[in-house]
């Protein structure tokens, strides 16, 4: 059995848990790789995802809709978005809606190239197919990766 993944030894006993733990490990690894690359422009992977979700809706998003799209609580959404407002990448209306600023759009363009290069290296190193991952996670499974696309 692979010593890097000792949970695989129990795959027959808890295959769903084992798969979930492997996905969590992959997400953590991907967050680290892309987050390290994005730190050059002052973003995390979640920040980039947040900016892209908001940028895909020119009319803006309420904190409720943003929380749902990010899979987090409304208070976490506000807490995580306010630094992006202070940096000028998002604006927040009197009603609490978030919209992407022009400088936020410029940042996304820059950050996407950095993140794409880091993700490409990660997928190459892990021998996972990006096309297969996209197909699997967007095939009606309830995981909505489309929210993070522009």
N, C-alpha and C. Protein backbone atom coordinates (compact mmCIF):
# COMPACT_ATOMS: atom_id res chain seq x y z
N UNK A 1 0.84 -1.19 0.00
CA UNK A 1 0.00 0.00 0.00
C UNK A 1 0.87 1.24 0.00
N UNK A 2 0.42 2.32 -0.58
CA UNK A 2 1.15 3.57 -0.67
C UNK A 2 1.29 4.20 0.70
N UNK A 3 2.54 4.39 1.16
CA UNK A 3 2.76 4.93 2.50
C UNK A 3 2.38 6.40 2.60
N UNK A 4 2.31 7.11 1.48
CA UNK A 4 1.88 8.51 1.52
C UNK A 4 0.39 8.64 1.80
N UNK A 5 -0.36 7.60 1.54
CA UNK A 5 -1.81 7.62 1.72
C UNK A 5 -2.26 6.42 2.56
N UNK A 6 -1.91 6.43 3.87
CA UNK A 6 -2.24 5.27 4.70
C UNK A 6 -3.74 5.01 4.78
N UNK A 7 -4.58 6.02 4.54
CA UNK A 7 -6.01 5.79 4.62
C UNK A 7 -6.50 4.87 3.51
N UNK A 8 -5.71 4.70 2.46
CA UNK A 8 -6.12 3.81 1.38
C UNK A 8 -6.18 2.36 1.82
N UNK A 9 -5.45 2.02 2.91
CA UNK A 9 -5.49 0.66 3.42
C UNK A 9 -6.88 0.29 3.91
N UNK A 10 -7.68 1.29 4.27
CA UNK A 10 -9.02 1.05 4.80
C UNK A 10 -10.08 1.34 3.75
N UNK A 11 -9.69 1.39 2.50
CA UNK A 11 -10.62 1.77 1.44
C UNK A 11 -11.87 0.91 1.41
N UNK A 12 -11.72 -0.39 1.71
CA UNK A 12 -12.91 -1.25 1.71
C UNK A 12 -13.85 -0.91 2.86
N UNK A 13 -13.30 -0.43 3.96
CA UNK A 13 -14.11 -0.14 5.15
C UNK A 13 -14.81 1.22 5.04
N UNK A 14 -14.15 2.19 4.42
CA UNK A 14 -14.72 3.54 4.37
C UNK A 14 -14.34 4.24 3.07
N UNK A 15 -14.82 3.72 1.94
CA UNK A 15 -14.39 4.30 0.65
C UNK A 15 -14.83 5.75 0.47
N UNK A 16 -15.99 6.12 0.97
CA UNK A 16 -16.44 7.51 0.82
C UNK A 16 -15.58 8.46 1.64
N UNK A 17 -15.28 8.06 2.87
CA UNK A 17 -14.42 8.88 3.71
C UNK A 17 -13.02 8.97 3.12
N UNK A 18 -12.49 7.87 2.66
CA UNK A 18 -11.16 7.88 2.06
C UNK A 18 -11.11 8.81 0.84
N UNK A 19 -12.11 8.74 -0.01
CA UNK A 19 -12.16 9.62 -1.18
C UNK A 19 -12.27 11.08 -0.74
N UNK A 20 -13.09 11.35 0.26
CA UNK A 20 -13.25 12.72 0.75
C UNK A 20 -11.94 13.24 1.33
N UNK A 21 -11.23 12.40 2.09
CA UNK A 21 -9.95 12.83 2.67
C UNK A 21 -8.90 13.07 1.59
N UNK A 22 -8.90 12.24 0.55
CA UNK A 22 -7.97 12.48 -0.56
C UNK A 22 -8.29 13.78 -1.29
N UNK A 23 -9.59 14.05 -1.50
CA UNK A 23 -9.97 15.32 -2.12
C UNK A 23 -9.56 16.51 -1.25
N UNK A 24 -9.76 16.39 0.06
CA UNK A 24 -9.37 17.46 0.97
C UNK A 24 -7.86 17.69 0.91
N UNK A 25 -7.09 16.61 0.85
CA UNK A 25 -5.64 16.74 0.73
C UNK A 25 -5.23 17.39 -0.58
N UNK A 26 -5.90 17.00 -1.65
CA UNK A 26 -5.61 17.60 -2.96
C UNK A 26 -5.94 19.09 -2.95
N UNK A 27 -7.07 19.45 -2.35
CA UNK A 27 -7.45 20.87 -2.27
C UNK A 27 -6.42 21.66 -1.47
N UNK A 28 -5.98 21.09 -0.37
CA UNK A 28 -4.99 21.76 0.46
C UNK A 28 -3.69 21.96 -0.31
N UNK A 29 -3.26 20.94 -1.02
CA UNK A 29 -2.04 21.02 -1.82
C UNK A 29 -2.19 22.07 -2.92
N UNK A 30 -3.33 22.07 -3.60
CA UNK A 30 -3.58 23.03 -4.67
C UNK A 30 -3.65 24.45 -4.12
N UNK A 31 -4.32 24.63 -2.97
CA UNK A 31 -4.37 25.95 -2.32
C UNK A 31 -2.97 26.47 -2.03
N UNK A 32 -2.11 25.58 -1.54
CA UNK A 32 -0.74 25.98 -1.19
C UNK A 32 0.04 26.39 -2.43
N UNK A 33 -0.02 25.57 -3.47
CA UNK A 33 0.75 25.85 -4.69
C UNK A 33 0.27 27.14 -5.35
N UNK A 34 -1.03 27.26 -5.55
CA UNK A 34 -1.55 28.45 -6.22
C UNK A 34 -1.48 29.66 -5.30
N UNK A 35 -1.77 29.47 -4.02
CA UNK A 35 -1.70 30.57 -3.06
C UNK A 35 -0.30 31.16 -2.96
N UNK A 36 0.71 30.31 -2.98
CA UNK A 36 2.10 30.79 -2.94
C UNK A 36 2.39 31.64 -4.17
N UNK A 37 1.95 31.19 -5.32
CA UNK A 37 2.17 31.96 -6.56
C UNK A 37 1.40 33.27 -6.52
N UNK A 38 0.16 33.23 -6.06
CA UNK A 38 -0.67 34.45 -6.03
C UNK A 38 -0.24 35.45 -4.97
N UNK A 39 0.51 35.00 -4.00
CA UNK A 39 0.95 35.93 -2.94
C UNK A 39 1.78 37.07 -3.53
N UNK A 40 2.35 36.87 -4.71
CA UNK A 40 3.11 37.94 -5.38
C UNK A 40 2.24 39.15 -5.70
N UNK A 41 0.92 38.92 -5.87
CA UNK A 41 0.01 40.03 -6.16
C UNK A 41 -0.95 40.28 -4.99
N UNK A 42 -0.65 39.69 -3.85
CA UNK A 42 -1.43 39.96 -2.64
C UNK A 42 -2.76 39.23 -2.54
N UNK A 43 -2.89 38.09 -3.23
CA UNK A 43 -4.15 37.34 -3.21
C UNK A 43 -3.94 35.92 -2.73
N UNK A 44 -5.02 35.33 -2.27
CA UNK A 44 -5.08 33.89 -2.03
C UNK A 44 -5.95 33.29 -3.13
N UNK A 45 -5.98 31.97 -3.19
CA UNK A 45 -6.84 31.31 -4.17
C UNK A 45 -8.31 31.65 -3.91
N UNK A 46 -8.72 31.67 -2.65
CA UNK A 46 -10.10 32.05 -2.33
C UNK A 46 -10.40 33.49 -2.72
N UNK A 47 -9.42 34.40 -2.56
CA UNK A 47 -9.62 35.79 -2.98
C UNK A 47 -9.87 35.85 -4.49
N UNK A 48 -9.05 35.12 -5.25
CA UNK A 48 -9.22 35.13 -6.71
C UNK A 48 -10.57 34.55 -7.08
N UNK A 49 -10.96 33.48 -6.43
CA UNK A 49 -12.27 32.87 -6.70
C UNK A 49 -13.39 33.88 -6.40
N UNK A 50 -13.28 34.57 -5.29
CA UNK A 50 -14.29 35.57 -4.88
C UNK A 50 -14.37 36.69 -5.93
N UNK A 51 -13.22 37.20 -6.35
CA UNK A 51 -13.21 38.27 -7.34
C UNK A 51 -13.82 37.81 -8.66
N UNK A 52 -13.51 36.58 -9.07
CA UNK A 52 -14.06 36.06 -10.33
C UNK A 52 -15.57 35.88 -10.25
N UNK A 53 -16.06 35.38 -9.12
CA UNK A 53 -17.50 35.20 -8.96
C UNK A 53 -18.21 36.54 -9.05
N UNK A 54 -17.69 37.53 -8.35
CA UNK A 54 -18.31 38.87 -8.37
C UNK A 54 -18.15 39.49 -9.75
N UNK A 55 -17.00 39.32 -10.38
CA UNK A 55 -16.75 39.90 -11.69
C UNK A 55 -17.63 39.33 -12.78
N UNK A 56 -18.11 38.11 -12.58
CA UNK A 56 -18.99 37.48 -13.56
C UNK A 56 -20.38 38.08 -13.55
N UNK A 57 -20.68 38.90 -12.57
CA UNK A 57 -22.00 39.53 -12.44
C UNK A 57 -21.83 41.04 -12.34
N UNK A 58 -21.85 41.72 -13.49
CA UNK A 58 -21.61 43.17 -13.51
C UNK A 58 -22.55 43.97 -12.60
N UNK A 59 -23.75 43.45 -12.38
CA UNK A 59 -24.69 44.15 -11.51
C UNK A 59 -24.31 44.00 -10.04
N UNK A 60 -23.36 43.13 -9.73
CA UNK A 60 -22.93 42.90 -8.36
C UNK A 60 -23.66 41.74 -7.72
N UNK A 61 -23.25 41.44 -6.51
CA UNK A 61 -23.84 40.33 -5.76
C UNK A 61 -24.13 40.76 -4.34
N UNK A 62 -25.26 40.31 -3.83
CA UNK A 62 -25.55 40.52 -2.42
C UNK A 62 -24.63 39.62 -1.61
N UNK A 63 -24.48 39.94 -0.34
CA UNK A 63 -23.64 39.07 0.49
C UNK A 63 -24.24 37.67 0.59
N UNK A 64 -25.57 37.59 0.54
CA UNK A 64 -26.22 36.27 0.59
C UNK A 64 -25.87 35.44 -0.63
N UNK A 65 -25.96 36.05 -1.82
CA UNK A 65 -25.65 35.32 -3.05
C UNK A 65 -24.16 34.98 -3.13
N UNK A 66 -23.31 35.90 -2.68
CA UNK A 66 -21.88 35.63 -2.67
C UNK A 66 -21.55 34.51 -1.69
N UNK A 67 -22.17 34.54 -0.52
CA UNK A 67 -21.95 33.48 0.47
C UNK A 67 -22.33 32.12 -0.10
N UNK A 68 -23.46 32.07 -0.77
CA UNK A 68 -23.91 30.81 -1.37
C UNK A 68 -22.93 30.34 -2.44
N UNK A 69 -22.49 31.25 -3.30
CA UNK A 69 -21.56 30.88 -4.37
C UNK A 69 -20.21 30.43 -3.82
N UNK A 70 -19.78 31.03 -2.71
CA UNK A 70 -18.50 30.67 -2.10
C UNK A 70 -18.62 29.47 -1.16
N UNK A 71 -19.84 29.12 -0.77
CA UNK A 71 -20.02 28.02 0.17
C UNK A 71 -19.59 28.38 1.57
N UNK A 72 -19.92 29.60 1.98
CA UNK A 72 -19.54 30.06 3.31
C UNK A 72 -20.69 30.84 3.95
N UNK A 73 -20.55 31.18 5.21
CA UNK A 73 -21.59 31.93 5.89
C UNK A 73 -21.56 33.39 5.44
N UNK A 74 -22.66 34.10 5.66
CA UNK A 74 -22.71 35.52 5.27
C UNK A 74 -21.66 36.32 6.04
N UNK A 75 -21.49 36.01 7.33
CA UNK A 75 -20.51 36.78 8.10
C UNK A 75 -19.09 36.50 7.60
N UNK A 76 -18.79 35.27 7.22
CA UNK A 76 -17.48 34.96 6.64
C UNK A 76 -17.29 35.68 5.31
N UNK A 77 -18.37 35.75 4.54
CA UNK A 77 -18.30 36.45 3.25
C UNK A 77 -17.93 37.91 3.44
N UNK A 78 -18.60 38.57 4.35
CA UNK A 78 -18.31 39.98 4.60
C UNK A 78 -16.89 40.14 5.14
N UNK A 79 -16.54 39.31 6.11
CA UNK A 79 -15.21 39.39 6.74
C UNK A 79 -14.10 39.16 5.70
N UNK A 80 -14.31 38.23 4.77
CA UNK A 80 -13.30 37.93 3.76
C UNK A 80 -13.28 38.93 2.61
N UNK A 81 -14.39 39.62 2.39
CA UNK A 81 -14.49 40.56 1.28
C UNK A 81 -14.04 41.97 1.64
N UNK A 82 -14.17 42.35 2.89
CA UNK A 82 -13.83 43.72 3.28
C UNK A 82 -12.38 44.11 3.00
N UNK A 83 -11.39 43.22 3.21
CA UNK A 83 -10.03 43.61 2.83
C UNK A 83 -9.90 43.90 1.34
N UNK A 84 -10.65 43.19 0.51
CA UNK A 84 -10.61 43.43 -0.93
C UNK A 84 -11.27 44.76 -1.28
N UNK A 85 -12.25 45.17 -0.47
CA UNK A 85 -12.86 46.50 -0.62
C UNK A 85 -11.83 47.56 -0.25
N UNK A 86 -11.17 47.38 0.89
CA UNK A 86 -10.17 48.36 1.35
C UNK A 86 -9.02 48.52 0.38
N UNK A 87 -8.67 47.45 -0.32
CA UNK A 87 -7.60 47.51 -1.31
C UNK A 87 -8.06 48.09 -2.64
N UNK A 88 -9.37 48.32 -2.78
CA UNK A 88 -9.90 48.95 -3.99
C UNK A 88 -10.24 47.98 -5.10
N UNK A 89 -10.24 46.69 -4.83
CA UNK A 89 -10.54 45.70 -5.85
C UNK A 89 -12.03 45.37 -5.93
N UNK A 90 -12.74 45.62 -4.85
CA UNK A 90 -14.20 45.48 -4.79
C UNK A 90 -14.77 46.78 -4.26
N UNK A 91 -16.03 47.02 -4.60
CA UNK A 91 -16.75 48.11 -3.94
C UNK A 91 -17.97 47.49 -3.28
N UNK A 92 -18.45 48.17 -2.24
CA UNK A 92 -19.63 47.69 -1.52
C UNK A 92 -20.62 48.84 -1.45
N UNK A 93 -21.82 48.59 -1.96
CA UNK A 93 -22.86 49.62 -2.00
C UNK A 93 -23.49 49.80 -0.62
N UNK A 94 -24.29 50.84 -0.51
CA UNK A 94 -25.03 51.09 0.74
C UNK A 94 -25.90 49.90 1.12
N UNK A 95 -26.44 49.22 0.11
CA UNK A 95 -27.29 48.05 0.37
C UNK A 95 -26.48 46.79 0.70
N UNK A 96 -25.15 46.89 0.58
CA UNK A 96 -24.29 45.76 0.92
C UNK A 96 -23.87 44.90 -0.25
N UNK A 97 -24.29 45.26 -1.48
CA UNK A 97 -23.90 44.49 -2.66
C UNK A 97 -22.43 44.74 -2.98
N UNK A 98 -21.76 43.68 -3.42
CA UNK A 98 -20.36 43.78 -3.83
C UNK A 98 -20.27 43.83 -5.34
N UNK A 99 -19.42 44.72 -5.87
CA UNK A 99 -19.14 44.78 -7.30
C UNK A 99 -17.63 44.88 -7.49
N UNK A 100 -17.18 44.40 -8.63
CA UNK A 100 -15.77 44.44 -8.97
C UNK A 100 -15.42 45.83 -9.50
N UNK A 101 -14.30 46.38 -9.07
CA UNK A 101 -13.84 47.67 -9.56
C UNK A 101 -12.97 47.46 -10.81
N UNK A 102 -12.64 48.56 -11.47
CA UNK A 102 -11.75 48.46 -12.64
C UNK A 102 -10.39 47.91 -12.23
N UNK A 103 -9.86 48.34 -11.09
CA UNK A 103 -8.57 47.80 -10.66
C UNK A 103 -8.70 46.33 -10.28
N UNK A 104 -9.86 45.92 -9.82
CA UNK A 104 -10.11 44.51 -9.55
C UNK A 104 -10.07 43.69 -10.83
N UNK A 105 -10.61 44.25 -11.91
CA UNK A 105 -10.58 43.55 -13.21
C UNK A 105 -9.14 43.40 -13.72
N UNK A 106 -8.35 44.45 -13.56
CA UNK A 106 -6.95 44.39 -13.97
C UNK A 106 -6.22 43.33 -13.14
N UNK A 107 -6.49 43.31 -11.84
CA UNK A 107 -5.86 42.33 -10.96
C UNK A 107 -6.23 40.91 -11.36
N UNK A 108 -7.50 40.67 -11.66
CA UNK A 108 -7.93 39.34 -12.08
C UNK A 108 -7.16 38.90 -13.31
N UNK A 109 -7.03 39.78 -14.29
CA UNK A 109 -6.31 39.42 -15.51
C UNK A 109 -4.88 38.99 -15.19
N UNK A 110 -4.21 39.73 -14.32
CA UNK A 110 -2.85 39.41 -13.92
C UNK A 110 -2.81 38.12 -13.11
N UNK A 111 -3.70 38.01 -12.13
CA UNK A 111 -3.70 36.86 -11.22
C UNK A 111 -4.07 35.57 -11.93
N UNK A 112 -4.97 35.63 -12.90
CA UNK A 112 -5.36 34.41 -13.61
C UNK A 112 -4.19 33.77 -14.34
N UNK A 113 -3.34 34.58 -14.93
CA UNK A 113 -2.15 34.03 -15.61
C UNK A 113 -1.22 33.35 -14.62
N UNK A 114 -1.00 33.98 -13.49
CA UNK A 114 -0.15 33.41 -12.44
C UNK A 114 -0.75 32.10 -11.93
N UNK A 115 -2.05 32.13 -11.63
CA UNK A 115 -2.74 30.95 -11.10
C UNK A 115 -2.79 29.83 -12.13
N UNK A 116 -3.00 30.16 -13.39
CA UNK A 116 -3.03 29.14 -14.45
C UNK A 116 -1.69 28.42 -14.54
N UNK A 117 -0.59 29.16 -14.49
CA UNK A 117 0.73 28.53 -14.55
C UNK A 117 0.97 27.61 -13.36
N UNK A 118 0.60 28.07 -12.17
CA UNK A 118 0.78 27.26 -10.97
C UNK A 118 -0.11 26.01 -11.02
N UNK A 119 -1.35 26.18 -11.47
CA UNK A 119 -2.27 25.03 -11.57
C UNK A 119 -1.76 24.03 -12.60
N UNK A 120 -1.23 24.52 -13.70
CA UNK A 120 -0.68 23.64 -14.73
C UNK A 120 0.44 22.78 -14.16
N UNK A 121 1.34 23.40 -13.40
CA UNK A 121 2.43 22.64 -12.77
C UNK A 121 1.86 21.61 -11.80
N UNK A 122 0.85 22.00 -11.00
CA UNK A 122 0.27 21.09 -10.02
C UNK A 122 -0.37 19.89 -10.72
N UNK A 123 -1.14 20.14 -11.77
CA UNK A 123 -1.78 19.04 -12.50
C UNK A 123 -0.73 18.13 -13.14
N UNK A 124 0.34 18.70 -13.67
CA UNK A 124 1.41 17.88 -14.24
C UNK A 124 2.06 17.02 -13.16
N UNK A 125 2.36 17.63 -12.02
CA UNK A 125 3.01 16.90 -10.92
C UNK A 125 2.14 15.79 -10.37
N UNK A 126 0.83 15.98 -10.34
CA UNK A 126 -0.07 14.98 -9.77
C UNK A 126 -0.58 13.98 -10.81
N UNK A 127 -0.32 14.25 -12.08
CA UNK A 127 -0.77 13.40 -13.19
C UNK A 127 -2.29 13.32 -13.26
N UNK A 128 -2.97 14.31 -12.72
CA UNK A 128 -4.42 14.40 -12.86
C UNK A 128 -4.75 15.16 -14.13
N UNK A 129 -5.87 14.83 -14.74
CA UNK A 129 -6.30 15.51 -15.94
C UNK A 129 -7.28 16.63 -15.59
N UNK A 130 -6.94 17.88 -15.92
CA UNK A 130 -7.88 18.97 -15.64
C UNK A 130 -9.24 18.74 -16.31
N UNK A 131 -9.23 18.22 -17.53
CA UNK A 131 -10.49 17.98 -18.25
C UNK A 131 -11.35 16.94 -17.52
N UNK A 132 -10.72 15.90 -17.01
CA UNK A 132 -11.47 14.88 -16.28
C UNK A 132 -12.01 15.42 -14.96
N UNK A 133 -11.22 16.23 -14.28
CA UNK A 133 -11.68 16.82 -13.02
C UNK A 133 -12.88 17.71 -13.29
N UNK A 134 -12.79 18.56 -14.30
CA UNK A 134 -13.91 19.45 -14.64
C UNK A 134 -15.14 18.63 -15.00
N UNK A 135 -14.96 17.63 -15.82
CA UNK A 135 -16.09 16.79 -16.24
C UNK A 135 -16.74 16.10 -15.05
N UNK A 136 -15.94 15.54 -14.18
CA UNK A 136 -16.46 14.82 -13.01
C UNK A 136 -17.20 15.75 -12.06
N UNK A 137 -16.61 16.90 -11.78
CA UNK A 137 -17.17 17.79 -10.76
C UNK A 137 -18.31 18.67 -11.28
N UNK A 138 -18.52 18.71 -12.57
CA UNK A 138 -19.63 19.52 -13.10
C UNK A 138 -20.71 18.67 -13.75
N UNK A 139 -20.68 17.37 -13.53
CA UNK A 139 -21.64 16.48 -14.19
C UNK A 139 -22.88 16.21 -13.32
N UNK A 140 -23.45 17.27 -12.77
CA UNK A 140 -24.68 17.11 -12.00
C UNK A 140 -24.46 16.59 -10.60
N UNK A 141 -23.24 16.68 -10.09
CA UNK A 141 -22.94 16.12 -8.78
C UNK A 141 -23.30 17.07 -7.65
N UNK A 142 -23.74 18.27 -7.97
CA UNK A 142 -24.05 19.23 -6.91
C UNK A 142 -22.90 20.18 -6.67
N UNK A 143 -21.72 19.86 -7.15
CA UNK A 143 -20.58 20.76 -7.04
C UNK A 143 -20.66 21.71 -8.22
N UNK A 144 -20.70 23.00 -7.95
CA UNK A 144 -20.88 23.95 -9.03
C UNK A 144 -19.62 24.75 -9.27
N UNK A 145 -18.70 24.18 -10.02
CA UNK A 145 -17.47 24.87 -10.36
C UNK A 145 -17.73 26.03 -11.32
N UNK A 146 -18.86 26.02 -11.99
CA UNK A 146 -19.14 27.09 -12.95
C UNK A 146 -19.22 28.45 -12.27
N UNK A 147 -19.57 28.51 -10.98
CA UNK A 147 -19.63 29.79 -10.29
C UNK A 147 -18.27 30.48 -10.23
N UNK A 148 -17.19 29.69 -10.29
CA UNK A 148 -15.88 30.29 -10.18
C UNK A 148 -15.31 30.66 -11.54
N UNK A 149 -16.05 30.44 -12.60
CA UNK A 149 -15.59 30.80 -13.94
C UNK A 149 -16.21 32.13 -14.35
N UNK A 150 -15.45 32.86 -15.17
CA UNK A 150 -15.99 34.13 -15.69
C UNK A 150 -16.80 33.86 -16.91
